[in-house]
Amino acid sequence: MKQYLLLLLFLYALCASASERELIWPKGKMPDCQSHQIAAMTDEVDTPKFNADKHRVAYIEWFDAPAVSNGGCMILISGGSYECCCDVNLIKMWRERFTALGFQCVNFVYRTPRPVGLDIYQTAWEDGQRAVRMVRSEAAKRGFDPEKIGTISMSAGSHLALLLATSSQTPAYEAVDKLDEVPCHINWAIVNAPAYVTTDGETGTQALRQGYGPDVKLSSVFKFDAKTCPMSLHHGGNDPWTPNGSTLVYRQLSRMGIPAELHLYPNEGHGAFGLDRGIEFINQMEFVAPLPEPVEIMSRYDNDDARERYLKEDVWPEGQMPDFQQHQCTPYMEWHFPKTLKTKAIQIIYSGGSYMGNGPDGFEVAPARRYLNEKGMTVVTLRYRTPRPEGLAKHTTAWQDLQRTIRIVRSRAAEYGLCPDSIGIMGSSAGGHLTLMGVTSARHNSYLPKDDIDRLPCNVQWGIGIYPAYALTDGLEDHNTTGGNDDSAILAPEFSFDLDTAPMLFIHGDADRWAAMNSVKTWEKMRAMGVQSELHTLATRDHCFQNSAHPGTGSYTWLERIGEYLKLK
């Protein structure tokens, strides 16, 4: 009986991991056949009985159909420098996650190592276009929609995925049979750490100049044709195969009006990060299922139950407010102490409002402070002076109020059992612009000292910019006229980027008229300075993305990005 049960368990495990391999080329028809190339994952190559001559032809490997189909298919593409297909563990993880979500999963194994006398990607690209055609041709048989085919990939596999996503209208090979009449475009792509994307590394090396320089461009192999699909791009900030490749792809998608997400992770090297963000992307794009009803964020964070104590104080000593103007509101700050203190760090938060109005009780501030109080963090909220001052730059008096608030917080921190050198600032929209001022220009005094508090430094240790406005020269007073996409749209002149410039977390709607490129170009500048920041853009989402958001999307979970960034459990 015991042996029978063991046999059943063995058969169940075998069935649970069942797959069906299908060669993608007819015998004798594979283009650019080269005798040194094989098509096999490295775990198979490393087995003692591996026979290279039995693995010359690229193939697709159909995994078991999902228990409940959502009508979509995911093609899984390994990396390996175009020298091998090595991401065995990633393929396993992706198969498990996406099958559970209802996708038919198929592993695509292309020819490696690199071909001789051809571009490093050529034979893999040929295999890729043929594989997509075969997958699409079997959609009805396998029970998925032929126009719901996506990819997830890594490294060289992501370079290949970008070719499939941007260049399907360019034939990689001459047709060999009727199958080649089937379209080879894909419908979306989750792209991890794409290699060889910039011209300083497109021949198959690491990016020689880290993706920087006036002559370093996006590789011209990517055509960005009419069938270019939405993408979610994921990259580590310290990747030697440069994250600037991902920002350049994102810029081009933005120019074309194609929904996209960009997820950049500070201090991470070459690797696949943020699978949950990729899943949120396909949820937002409704590739899994129709979106659920949106939920107002104020209804989710509707009380101060996690707050123990509250204090309110003026920002300026009586009669000493710099550049006082009668039409502006009186600035004040509020301390929100958590019931259970878990960190000595302090987060300062304020709203946007076009520098025409602002307040600490709306959807841009209250939910974040309540969330952080729940996580055990002390929050200070600020109401800065608005509307805009007359005869001065729009942000001048708000910047004065922010610098003074940081100094007050630093002066009070020890008294409250907090750390004076662990202070961050966070703002949305115009408040995001104000955050950039606080982060990049702390050595630039906005007012003359009034008392001993003003002898303290006003630098911060981090910033959080939520859809910052007015950061580029094509939108200094209003929304970005070119979407920030034109190379002539450069960072606003008021940002000093001094030696106290702090790292930041950026979260921005991809469809925001106060463009996501405000955040992307600031991230690029900071990386060029050696400052590692984090960035997330959210497909199809506009300004104020968090006010009302669909569960299962990045607009709904955005506060968790802040908790993760601040390392709050």
Protein backbone atom coordinates (compact mmCIF):
# COMPACT_ATOMS: atom_id res chain seq x y z
CA MET A 1 0.00 0.00 0.00
CA LYS A 2 2.84 2.36 0.93
CA GLN A 3 4.62 1.67 -2.38
CA TYR A 4 1.36 2.32 -4.23
CA LEU A 5 0.91 5.68 -2.53
CA LEU A 6 4.52 6.63 -3.32
CA LEU A 7 3.91 5.73 -6.96
CA LEU A 8 0.80 7.92 -7.02
CA LEU A 9 2.73 10.82 -5.51
CA PHE A 10 5.49 10.38 -8.09
CA LEU A 11 2.97 10.34 -10.93
CA TYR A 12 1.22 13.42 -9.51
CA ALA A 13 4.53 15.32 -9.27
CA LEU A 14 5.38 14.26 -12.81
CA CYS A 15 2.03 15.49 -14.11
CA ALA A 16 2.26 18.73 -12.09
CA SER A 17 5.48 19.65 -13.89
CA ALA A 18 4.49 18.23 -17.26
CA SER A 19 5.56 20.02 -20.40
CA GLU A 20 5.37 19.49 -24.13
CA ARG A 21 8.28 20.44 -26.37
CA GLU A 22 7.75 21.57 -29.92
CA LEU A 23 10.55 22.31 -32.39
CA ILE A 24 9.84 25.60 -34.12
CA TRP A 25 11.65 24.98 -37.44
CA PRO A 26 10.86 22.31 -40.07
CA LYS A 27 13.73 19.92 -40.73
CA GLY A 28 16.38 21.56 -42.89
CA LYS A 29 14.62 24.97 -42.85
CA MET A 30 16.21 26.69 -39.83
CA PRO A 31 17.90 29.90 -41.12
CA ASP A 32 21.55 30.67 -40.41
CA CYS A 33 22.22 27.23 -38.99
CA GLN A 34 25.64 27.12 -37.32
CA SER A 35 27.25 23.93 -36.05
CA HIS A 36 28.38 25.32 -32.69
CA GLN A 37 24.90 26.42 -31.61
CA ILE A 38 22.45 24.49 -29.47
CA ALA A 39 18.99 25.15 -28.01
CA ALA A 40 18.81 23.97 -24.41
CA MET A 41 18.52 25.33 -20.87
CA THR A 42 21.74 25.05 -18.88
CA ASP A 43 20.34 22.54 -16.38
CA GLU A 44 19.87 20.13 -19.28
CA VAL A 45 23.25 20.96 -20.84
CA ASP A 46 24.93 20.15 -17.52
CA THR A 47 23.56 16.60 -17.35
CA PRO A 48 26.08 13.79 -18.09
CA LYS A 49 24.06 12.36 -20.99
CA PHE A 50 23.48 15.64 -22.82
CA ASN A 51 23.86 15.18 -26.59
CA ALA A 52 24.35 18.49 -28.39
CA ASP A 53 23.40 17.03 -31.76
CA LYS A 54 19.91 16.30 -30.43
CA HIS A 55 19.46 19.94 -29.35
CA ARG A 56 20.32 21.99 -32.43
CA VAL A 57 16.82 23.34 -33.15
CA ALA A 58 15.13 26.09 -31.13
CA TYR A 59 11.93 25.02 -29.42
CA ILE A 60 8.98 26.09 -27.32
CA GLU A 61 7.95 24.18 -24.24
CA TRP A 62 4.25 24.23 -23.39
CA PHE A 63 3.52 23.90 -19.70
CA ASP A 64 0.28 22.58 -18.24
CA ALA A 65 -2.74 24.79 -18.88
CA PRO A 66 -3.95 26.80 -15.88
CA ALA A 67 -6.80 25.40 -13.80
CA VAL A 68 -8.87 28.47 -14.75
CA SER A 69 -7.78 30.37 -17.86
CA ASN A 70 -7.86 34.14 -18.14
CA GLY A 71 -7.49 33.84 -21.92
CA GLY A 72 -3.86 34.96 -22.04
CA CYS A 73 -0.45 33.43 -22.70
CA MET A 74 2.98 34.29 -21.27
CA ILE A 75 6.16 33.47 -23.21
CA LEU A 76 9.08 33.05 -20.78
CA ILE A 77 12.52 34.07 -22.09
CA SER A 78 15.79 33.31 -20.30
CA GLY A 79 18.90 35.43 -20.42
CA GLY A 80 22.50 34.32 -20.65
CA SER A 81 24.45 36.90 -22.67
CA TYR A 82 23.32 35.18 -25.89
CA GLU A 83 25.86 32.54 -24.85
CA CYS A 84 23.39 30.19 -23.11
CA CYS A 85 19.87 30.03 -21.65
CA CYS A 86 20.68 30.02 -17.95
CA ASP A 87 17.70 31.40 -16.00
CA VAL A 88 16.27 28.04 -14.97
CA ASN A 89 15.04 29.23 -11.58
CA LEU A 90 13.43 32.34 -13.01
CA ILE A 91 11.58 30.30 -15.63
CA LYS A 92 10.26 28.03 -12.85
CA MET A 93 9.15 30.97 -10.69
CA TRP A 94 7.52 32.80 -13.60
CA ARG A 95 5.70 29.63 -14.70
CA GLU A 96 4.29 29.10 -11.20
CA ARG A 97 3.18 32.72 -10.72
CA PHE A 98 1.61 33.23 -14.13
CA THR A 99 -0.04 29.82 -14.31
CA ALA A 100 -1.67 30.60 -10.96
CA LEU A 101 -2.94 33.86 -12.48
CA GLY A 102 -4.61 31.92 -15.30
CA PHE A 103 -2.05 32.29 -18.10
CA GLN A 104 -0.97 29.53 -20.40
CA CYS A 105 2.83 29.56 -20.00
CA VAL A 106 5.37 28.55 -22.61
CA ASN A 107 9.15 28.50 -22.28
CA PHE A 108 11.00 29.71 -25.38
CA VAL A 109 14.51 28.27 -25.81
CA TYR A 110 16.56 29.90 -28.57
CA ARG A 111 19.90 29.10 -30.16
CA THR A 112 23.12 29.94 -28.33
CA PRO A 113 26.03 30.68 -28.12
CA ARG A 114 26.29 33.80 -30.25
CA PRO A 115 26.40 33.21 -33.99
CA VAL A 116 29.62 33.77 -35.90
CA GLY A 117 29.67 36.50 -38.56
CA LEU A 118 26.24 37.84 -37.59
CA ASP A 119 24.88 40.24 -35.00
CA ILE A 120 24.90 38.64 -31.55
CA TYR A 121 21.10 38.50 -31.46
CA GLN A 122 20.37 37.46 -35.06
CA THR A 123 19.66 33.74 -34.70
CA ALA A 124 17.80 34.29 -31.43
CA TRP A 125 15.65 36.96 -33.11
CA GLU A 126 14.87 34.60 -35.97
CA ASP A 127 13.89 31.96 -33.43
CA GLY A 128 11.86 34.52 -31.48
CA GLN A 129 9.71 35.67 -34.39
CA ARG A 130 9.08 32.06 -35.40
CA ALA A 131 8.22 31.09 -31.80
CA VAL A 132 5.64 33.88 -31.47
CA ARG A 133 4.05 32.77 -34.75
CA MET A 134 3.82 29.20 -33.49
CA VAL A 135 2.37 30.29 -30.15
CA ARG A 136 -0.21 32.50 -31.88
CA SER A 137 -1.12 29.73 -34.34
CA GLU A 138 -1.99 27.39 -31.47
CA ALA A 139 -4.10 29.89 -29.48
CA ALA A 140 -7.47 28.34 -30.34
CA LYS A 141 -6.20 24.83 -29.66
CA ARG A 142 -4.68 25.85 -26.32
CA GLY A 143 -7.59 28.02 -25.21
CA PHE A 144 -6.20 31.55 -25.19
CA ASP A 145 -6.72 34.74 -27.19
CA PRO A 146 -4.13 35.19 -29.99
CA GLU A 147 -4.09 38.91 -29.15
CA LYS A 148 -3.33 38.31 -25.47
CA ILE A 149 0.28 37.12 -25.76
CA GLY A 150 2.90 38.66 -23.46
CA THR A 151 6.52 38.01 -22.58
CA ILE A 152 8.60 38.14 -19.42
CA SER A 153 12.35 38.08 -19.82
CA MET A 154 15.79 38.68 -18.34
CA SER A 155 19.05 40.30 -19.57
CA ALA A 156 19.91 39.16 -23.13
CA GLY A 157 16.45 37.59 -23.15
CA SER A 158 15.09 41.07 -22.46
CA HIS A 159 17.08 42.47 -25.39
CA LEU A 160 15.37 39.79 -27.46
CA ALA A 161 11.98 40.62 -25.92
CA LEU A 162 12.51 44.28 -26.86
CA LEU A 163 13.16 43.20 -30.45
CA LEU A 164 9.92 41.20 -30.41
CA ALA A 165 8.04 44.09 -28.77
CA THR A 166 9.33 46.92 -30.98
CA SER A 167 10.32 45.40 -34.32
CA SER A 168 7.81 42.73 -35.36
CA GLN A 169 7.20 44.45 -38.69
CA THR A 170 10.83 43.89 -39.69
CA PRO A 171 11.30 40.28 -40.87
CA ALA A 172 14.23 38.60 -39.12
CA TYR A 173 14.32 35.82 -41.77
CA GLU A 174 12.80 34.84 -45.10
CA ALA A 175 9.59 32.86 -44.88
CA VAL A 176 10.00 29.08 -44.90
CA ASP A 177 6.34 27.92 -44.88
CA LYS A 178 2.72 28.95 -44.30
CA LEU A 179 3.29 29.53 -40.59
CA ASP A 180 5.34 32.59 -41.49
CA GLU A 181 2.16 34.30 -42.68
CA VAL A 182 1.01 34.46 -39.03
CA PRO A 183 1.80 37.81 -37.34
CA CYS A 184 4.73 37.77 -34.91
CA HIS A 185 3.91 40.80 -32.73
CA ILE A 186 3.38 40.46 -28.97
CA ASN A 187 0.80 42.35 -26.94
CA TRP A 188 2.80 43.31 -23.85
CA ALA A 189 6.23 42.76 -22.31
CA ILE A 190 7.63 42.64 -18.77
CA VAL A 191 11.30 43.42 -19.36
CA ASN A 192 13.91 42.75 -16.66
CA ALA A 193 17.42 44.24 -16.89
CA PRO A 194 17.65 44.45 -20.70
CA ALA A 195 21.27 44.22 -21.87
CA TYR A 196 22.99 45.79 -24.91
CA VAL A 197 20.32 48.50 -25.27
CA THR A 198 22.59 51.56 -25.48
CA THR A 199 25.15 52.16 -28.22
CA ASP A 200 28.06 51.91 -25.78
CA GLY A 201 27.24 48.22 -25.27
CA GLU A 202 25.16 47.11 -28.24
CA THR A 203 27.85 44.81 -29.67
CA GLY A 204 27.52 42.54 -26.65
CA THR A 205 29.52 44.09 -23.81
CA GLN A 206 28.61 45.85 -20.60
CA ALA A 207 27.85 49.52 -21.19
CA LEU A 208 31.35 50.96 -21.59
CA ARG A 209 30.32 54.43 -20.40
CA GLN A 210 27.43 53.37 -18.16
CA GLY A 211 24.96 54.56 -20.77
CA TYR A 212 26.06 58.22 -20.49
CA GLY A 213 27.52 60.69 -22.98
CA PRO A 214 26.22 62.93 -25.77
CA ASP A 215 27.04 60.27 -28.36
CA VAL A 216 25.46 57.37 -26.39
CA LYS A 217 22.01 56.62 -27.78
CA LEU A 218 19.34 53.98 -27.81
CA SER A 219 20.45 51.18 -30.15
CA SER A 220 18.97 51.53 -33.63
CA VAL A 221 18.16 47.80 -33.82
CA PHE A 222 14.87 48.59 -32.08
CA LYS A 223 12.49 49.96 -34.73
CA PHE A 224 9.55 51.04 -32.51
CA ASP A 225 7.10 50.25 -35.27
CA ALA A 226 3.30 50.51 -35.38
CA LYS A 227 2.88 47.22 -33.47
CA THR A 228 5.08 48.27 -30.55
CA CYS A 229 3.33 47.11 -27.38
CA PRO A 230 2.94 48.37 -23.78
CA MET A 231 5.82 47.43 -21.49
CA SER A 232 6.87 47.25 -17.86
CA LEU A 233 10.62 47.89 -17.59
CA HIS A 234 12.57 46.81 -14.48
CA HIS A 235 16.21 47.63 -13.79
CA GLY A 236 18.73 47.85 -10.95
CA GLY A 237 20.38 51.23 -10.49
CA ASN A 238 23.89 49.73 -10.34
CA ASP A 239 23.52 47.36 -13.28
CA PRO A 240 26.66 47.49 -15.50
CA TRP A 241 24.34 46.76 -18.45
CA THR A 242 23.04 50.26 -17.66
CA PRO A 243 19.55 51.15 -16.43
CA ASN A 244 19.76 54.12 -18.80
CA GLY A 245 18.82 51.60 -21.48
CA SER A 246 15.47 51.18 -19.77
CA THR A 247 14.96 54.94 -19.31
CA LEU A 248 15.69 55.50 -23.02
CA VAL A 249 13.20 52.81 -24.04
CA TYR A 250 10.65 54.37 -21.70
CA ARG A 251 11.25 57.81 -23.24
CA GLN A 252 10.57 56.45 -26.72
CA LEU A 253 7.39 54.72 -25.62
CA SER A 254 6.31 58.00 -24.02
CA ARG A 255 6.94 59.88 -27.26
CA MET A 256 4.72 57.36 -29.05
CA GLY A 257 1.95 57.55 -26.46
CA ILE A 258 2.29 53.84 -25.61
CA PRO A 259 1.39 53.01 -21.98
CA ALA A 260 4.40 51.86 -20.02
CA GLU A 261 5.83 51.44 -16.56
CA LEU A 262 9.40 52.00 -15.44
CA HIS A 263 10.64 50.49 -12.17
CA LEU A 264 14.18 51.38 -11.07
CA TYR A 265 15.72 49.92 -7.93
CA PRO A 266 18.55 51.69 -6.05
CA ASN A 267 21.84 49.93 -5.36
CA GLU A 268 20.74 46.77 -7.18
CA GLY A 269 22.94 45.15 -9.81
CA HIS A 270 22.04 42.86 -12.69
CA GLY A 271 18.93 40.92 -11.82
CA ALA A 272 15.16 40.56 -12.04
CA PHE A 273 13.36 42.77 -9.51
CA GLY A 274 9.76 43.68 -8.81
CA LEU A 275 7.72 40.79 -10.21
CA ASP A 276 4.77 42.03 -8.17
CA ARG A 277 5.05 45.38 -9.94
CA GLY A 278 4.93 43.58 -13.29
CA ILE A 279 1.77 41.78 -12.21
CA GLU A 280 0.24 45.09 -11.11
CA PHE A 281 1.07 46.42 -14.59
CA ILE A 282 -0.81 43.64 -16.37
CA ASN A 283 -3.68 44.10 -13.91
CA GLN A 284 -3.79 47.84 -14.67
CA MET A 285 -3.77 47.13 -18.39
CA GLU A 286 -6.59 44.57 -17.90
CA PHE A 287 -4.57 41.76 -19.45
CA VAL A 288 -5.63 39.46 -16.59
CA ALA A 289 -9.25 40.56 -16.09
CA PRO A 290 -11.39 43.70 -16.12
CA LEU A 291 -10.43 46.11 -13.37
CA PRO A 292 -12.49 46.01 -10.17
CA GLU A 293 -14.31 49.12 -9.04
CA PRO A 294 -11.96 51.89 -7.85
CA VAL A 295 -11.73 52.76 -4.16
CA GLU A 296 -11.27 56.24 -2.67
CA ILE A 297 -8.07 56.34 -0.64
CA MET A 298 -9.61 58.49 2.09
CA SER A 299 -12.09 55.68 2.75
CA ARG A 300 -9.21 53.24 3.26
CA TYR A 301 -7.33 55.49 5.69
CA ASP A 302 -10.16 57.26 7.47
CA ASN A 303 -9.00 57.57 11.09
CA ASP A 304 -6.07 58.39 13.37
CA ASP A 305 -6.28 55.26 15.51
CA ALA A 306 -2.52 54.66 15.17
CA ARG A 307 -1.69 58.15 16.47
CA GLU A 308 -0.96 58.64 20.17
CA ARG A 309 -0.17 62.34 20.40
CA TYR A 310 -0.63 65.50 18.33
CA LEU A 311 1.12 68.86 18.56
CA LYS A 312 0.75 71.98 16.40
CA GLU A 313 3.18 74.90 16.20
CA ASP A 314 3.95 77.96 14.10
CA VAL A 315 6.80 77.81 11.63
CA TRP A 316 8.09 81.33 12.27
CA PRO A 317 8.63 83.46 15.39
CA GLU A 318 6.10 86.26 15.57
CA GLY A 319 7.03 89.15 13.30
CA GLN A 320 10.03 87.36 11.73
CA MET A 321 8.51 85.65 8.70
CA PRO A 322 10.69 86.43 5.65
CA ASP A 323 9.05 87.97 2.58
CA PHE A 324 5.73 88.37 4.39
CA GLN A 325 2.83 88.99 2.00
CA GLN A 326 -0.66 89.83 3.23
CA HIS A 327 -2.52 87.59 0.77
CA GLN A 328 -0.76 84.39 1.86
CA CYS A 329 -1.89 81.92 4.53
CA THR A 330 0.00 81.55 7.81
CA PRO A 331 2.25 78.47 7.74
CA TYR A 332 2.14 75.89 10.52
CA MET A 333 3.44 72.40 11.25
CA GLU A 334 1.85 69.47 13.09
CA TRP A 335 3.50 66.55 14.88
CA HIS A 336 1.79 63.14 14.66
CA PHE A 337 3.35 60.64 17.09
CA PRO A 338 2.52 56.93 16.68
CA LYS A 339 1.16 54.79 19.50
CA THR A 340 3.97 52.30 18.97
CA LEU A 341 7.27 53.89 17.97
CA LYS A 342 9.29 51.50 15.78
CA THR A 343 11.79 53.91 14.23
CA LYS A 344 13.51 57.10 15.29
CA ALA A 345 13.24 58.48 11.75
CA ILE A 346 10.87 61.35 10.94
CA GLN A 347 8.87 61.95 7.77
CA ILE A 348 7.74 65.47 6.84
CA ILE A 349 4.73 65.53 4.45
CA TYR A 350 2.87 68.31 2.62
CA SER A 351 0.44 68.54 -0.28
CA GLY A 352 0.45 70.06 -3.74
CA GLY A 353 -1.91 72.68 -5.12
CA SER A 354 -0.06 74.53 -7.91
CA TYR A 355 1.48 76.79 -5.23
CA MET A 356 -1.97 78.38 -5.14
CA GLY A 357 -3.25 76.48 -2.10
CA ASN A 358 -2.31 73.52 0.09
CA GLY A 359 -3.46 71.67 3.17
CA PRO A 360 -2.46 68.77 5.41
CA ASP A 361 -5.84 67.03 5.69
CA GLY A 362 -6.54 65.91 2.11
CA PHE A 363 -5.84 62.74 0.13
CA GLU A 364 -2.22 63.66 -0.65
CA VAL A 365 -1.20 63.86 3.03
CA ALA A 366 -3.63 62.28 5.52
CA PRO A 367 -3.51 58.68 4.20
CA ALA A 368 0.31 58.72 4.07
CA ARG A 369 0.70 60.03 7.61
CA ARG A 370 -1.84 57.51 8.91
CA TYR A 371 -0.07 54.69 7.07
CA LEU A 372 3.30 55.72 8.48
CA ASN A 373 1.88 56.09 12.00
CA GLU A 374 0.60 52.51 11.65
CA LYS A 375 4.15 51.49 10.74
CA GLY A 376 5.46 53.16 13.89
CA MET A 377 6.92 56.30 12.34
CA THR A 378 6.59 59.91 13.53
CA VAL A 379 5.16 62.26 10.90
CA VAL A 380 5.27 66.04 10.69
CA THR A 381 2.80 67.71 8.33
CA LEU A 382 3.35 71.20 6.95
CA ARG A 383 1.04 73.85 5.61
CA TYR A 384 3.27 76.23 3.68
CA ARG A 385 2.46 79.72 2.43
CA THR A 386 0.16 79.99 -0.59
CA PRO A 387 -1.05 81.36 -2.96
CA ARG A 388 2.04 82.23 -4.97
CA PRO A 389 4.01 85.26 -3.74
CA GLU A 390 3.98 88.40 -5.80
CA GLY A 391 7.24 89.54 -7.35
CA LEU A 392 9.06 86.32 -6.45
CA ALA A 393 9.45 82.87 -7.97
CA LYS A 394 6.36 80.75 -7.33
CA HIS A 395 8.05 78.47 -4.79
CA THR A 396 10.10 81.03 -2.83
CA THR A 397 8.03 81.41 0.33
CA ALA A 398 7.10 77.71 0.40
CA TRP A 399 10.79 76.84 0.19
CA GLN A 400 11.52 79.19 3.09
CA ASP A 401 8.80 77.48 5.14
CA LEU A 402 10.18 74.04 4.30
CA GLN A 403 13.77 74.89 5.21
CA ARG A 404 12.59 76.37 8.51
CA THR A 405 10.42 73.30 9.25
CA ILE A 406 13.33 70.92 8.65
CA ARG A 407 15.44 72.94 11.07
CA ILE A 408 12.71 72.96 13.72
CA VAL A 409 12.26 69.19 13.38
CA ARG A 410 16.01 68.70 13.70
CA SER A 411 16.10 70.91 16.80
CA ARG A 412 13.22 69.03 18.51
CA ALA A 413 14.10 65.45 17.50
CA ALA A 414 16.22 64.45 20.51
CA GLU A 415 13.66 65.90 22.92
CA TYR A 416 11.07 63.50 21.47
CA GLY A 417 13.41 60.49 21.43
CA LEU A 418 13.94 60.76 17.66
CA CYS A 419 17.01 61.05 15.43
CA PRO A 420 17.93 64.55 14.20
CA ASP A 421 19.89 63.03 11.32
CA SER A 422 17.14 60.79 9.99
CA ILE A 423 14.67 63.19 8.39
CA GLY A 424 12.88 62.83 5.06
CA ILE A 425 10.53 65.08 3.12
CA MET A 426 7.60 64.15 0.89
CA GLY A 427 5.30 66.16 -1.35
CA SER A 428 2.94 65.76 -4.29
CA SER A 429 2.66 67.82 -7.48
CA ALA A 430 3.80 71.36 -6.55
CA GLY A 431 4.75 69.74 -3.25
CA GLY A 432 6.88 67.34 -5.30
CA HIS A 433 8.65 70.32 -6.84
CA LEU A 434 9.13 71.68 -3.32
CA THR A 435 10.61 68.32 -2.31
CA LEU A 436 13.11 68.58 -5.15
CA MET A 437 14.09 72.01 -3.84
CA GLY A 438 14.59 70.59 -0.35
CA VAL A 439 16.53 67.56 -1.59
CA THR A 440 18.80 69.21 -4.16
CA SER A 441 19.42 72.70 -2.79
CA ALA A 442 19.90 72.48 1.00
CA ARG A 443 23.15 74.45 0.86
CA HIS A 444 21.37 77.33 -0.81
CA ASN A 445 19.76 79.49 1.89
CA SER A 446 16.28 80.71 1.04
CA TYR A 447 16.30 83.28 3.88
CA LEU A 448 18.66 84.91 6.39
CA PRO A 449 18.85 83.36 9.89
CA LYS A 450 16.25 84.52 12.43
CA ASP A 451 17.44 82.68 15.56
CA ASP A 452 19.63 79.80 16.74
CA ILE A 453 17.41 77.23 15.04
CA ASP A 454 18.45 78.73 11.70
CA ARG A 455 22.08 77.87 12.48
CA LEU A 456 21.16 74.20 12.04
CA PRO A 457 21.54 72.52 8.64
CA CYS A 458 18.38 71.98 6.58
CA ASN A 459 19.57 69.02 4.53
CA VAL A 460 17.54 65.79 4.61
CA GLN A 461 18.46 62.14 4.33
CA TRP A 462 15.84 61.21 1.73
CA GLY A 463 13.01 62.63 -0.32
CA ILE A 464 9.79 61.18 -1.70
CA GLY A 465 8.44 62.87 -4.82
CA ILE A 466 4.87 62.00 -5.80
CA TYR A 467 4.18 63.20 -9.37
CA PRO A 468 6.45 66.27 -8.99
CA ALA A 469 5.42 69.19 -11.21
CA TYR A 470 7.45 72.06 -12.76
CA ALA A 471 10.69 70.07 -12.79
CA LEU A 472 11.48 70.53 -16.50
CA THR A 473 11.81 73.62 -18.67
CA ASP A 474 8.81 72.67 -20.84
CA GLY A 475 6.57 72.98 -17.77
CA LEU A 476 8.00 75.60 -15.43
CA GLU A 477 4.59 77.17 -14.75
CA ASP A 478 2.06 74.59 -15.90
CA HIS A 479 1.86 71.07 -17.37
CA ASN A 480 4.65 69.87 -19.66
CA THR A 481 4.01 71.09 -23.21
CA THR A 482 6.12 68.31 -24.78
CA GLY A 483 5.51 65.71 -22.10
CA GLY A 484 9.13 66.25 -21.11
CA ASN A 485 10.06 63.99 -24.03
CA ASP A 486 11.97 66.50 -26.11
CA ASP A 487 15.70 66.63 -25.38
CA SER A 488 15.36 70.40 -25.07
CA ALA A 489 13.23 69.86 -21.93
CA ILE A 490 15.91 69.97 -19.25
CA LEU A 491 15.81 70.21 -15.47
CA ALA A 492 14.58 73.48 -13.98
CA PRO A 493 17.38 75.96 -13.17
CA GLU A 494 16.39 76.36 -9.50
CA PHE A 495 17.64 72.88 -8.57
CA SER A 496 21.25 73.22 -7.39
CA PHE A 497 22.05 69.49 -7.08
CA ASP A 498 24.56 70.41 -4.40
CA LEU A 499 26.78 68.05 -2.40
CA ASP A 500 23.98 67.40 0.12
CA THR A 501 21.63 66.07 -2.57
CA ALA A 502 19.78 63.13 -1.03
CA PRO A 503 18.40 59.95 -2.62
CA MET A 504 14.73 59.89 -3.54
CA LEU A 505 11.76 57.69 -4.22
CA PHE A 506 9.66 58.83 -7.19
CA ILE A 507 6.13 57.62 -7.98
CA HIS A 508 4.44 59.11 -11.04
CA GLY A 509 1.47 58.42 -13.30
CA ASP A 510 2.57 57.49 -16.81
CA ALA A 511 -0.25 59.53 -18.38
CA ASP A 512 0.26 62.62 -16.20
CA ARG A 513 0.23 65.97 -18.03
CA TRP A 514 2.76 67.09 -15.38
CA ALA A 515 4.81 64.45 -17.01
CA ALA A 516 6.47 61.36 -15.59
CA MET A 517 9.57 62.58 -17.40
CA ASN A 518 9.93 65.12 -14.54
CA SER A 519 10.74 62.17 -12.32
CA VAL A 520 12.68 60.15 -14.91
CA LYS A 521 15.07 62.94 -15.88
CA THR A 522 15.67 63.84 -12.23
CA TRP A 523 16.43 60.16 -11.54
CA GLU A 524 18.91 60.15 -14.44
CA LYS A 525 20.63 63.28 -13.12
CA MET A 526 20.92 61.81 -9.64
CA ARG A 527 22.38 58.56 -10.97
CA ALA A 528 24.95 60.58 -12.94
CA MET A 529 25.98 62.17 -9.63
CA GLY A 530 26.28 58.78 -7.93
CA VAL A 531 23.04 59.22 -5.98
CA GLN A 532 20.98 56.03 -6.15
CA SER A 533 17.22 56.67 -6.22
CA GLU A 534 14.11 54.55 -6.77
CA LEU A 535 11.42 55.21 -9.37
CA HIS A 536 8.02 53.74 -10.28
CA THR A 537 5.74 54.98 -13.05
CA LEU A 538 2.18 53.70 -13.32
CA ALA A 539 0.66 52.82 -16.70
CA THR A 540 -2.37 54.82 -17.89
CA ARG A 541 -2.53 56.80 -14.63
CA ASP A 542 -2.85 60.59 -14.51
CA HIS A 543 -2.11 63.25 -11.91
CA CYS A 544 -3.46 62.38 -8.43
CA PHE A 545 -3.37 58.67 -9.32
CA GLN A 546 -3.85 57.62 -5.69
CA ASN A 547 -7.08 59.51 -4.99
CA SER A 548 -9.21 56.74 -6.49
CA ALA A 549 -7.51 53.49 -7.48
CA HIS A 550 -8.29 49.93 -8.52
CA PRO A 551 -7.27 47.11 -6.13
CA GLY A 552 -4.43 45.00 -7.49
CA THR A 553 -2.68 47.91 -9.22
CA GLY A 554 0.30 50.08 -8.35
CA SER A 555 -1.96 53.08 -7.79
CA TYR A 556 -3.64 51.13 -4.99
CA THR A 557 -0.46 49.80 -3.34
CA TRP A 558 1.66 52.96 -3.71
CA LEU A 559 2.00 53.51 0.03
CA GLU A 560 3.61 50.09 0.31
CA ARG A 561 6.37 51.34 -2.01
CA ILE A 562 7.04 54.05 0.59
CA GLY A 563 7.07 51.51 3.42
CA GLU A 564 9.49 49.30 1.46
CA TYR A 565 11.71 52.25 0.58
CA LEU A 566 11.88 53.33 4.22
CA LYS A 567 12.39 49.67 5.26
CA LEU A 568 9.36 49.76 7.54
CA LYS A 569 7.97 46.31 8.37
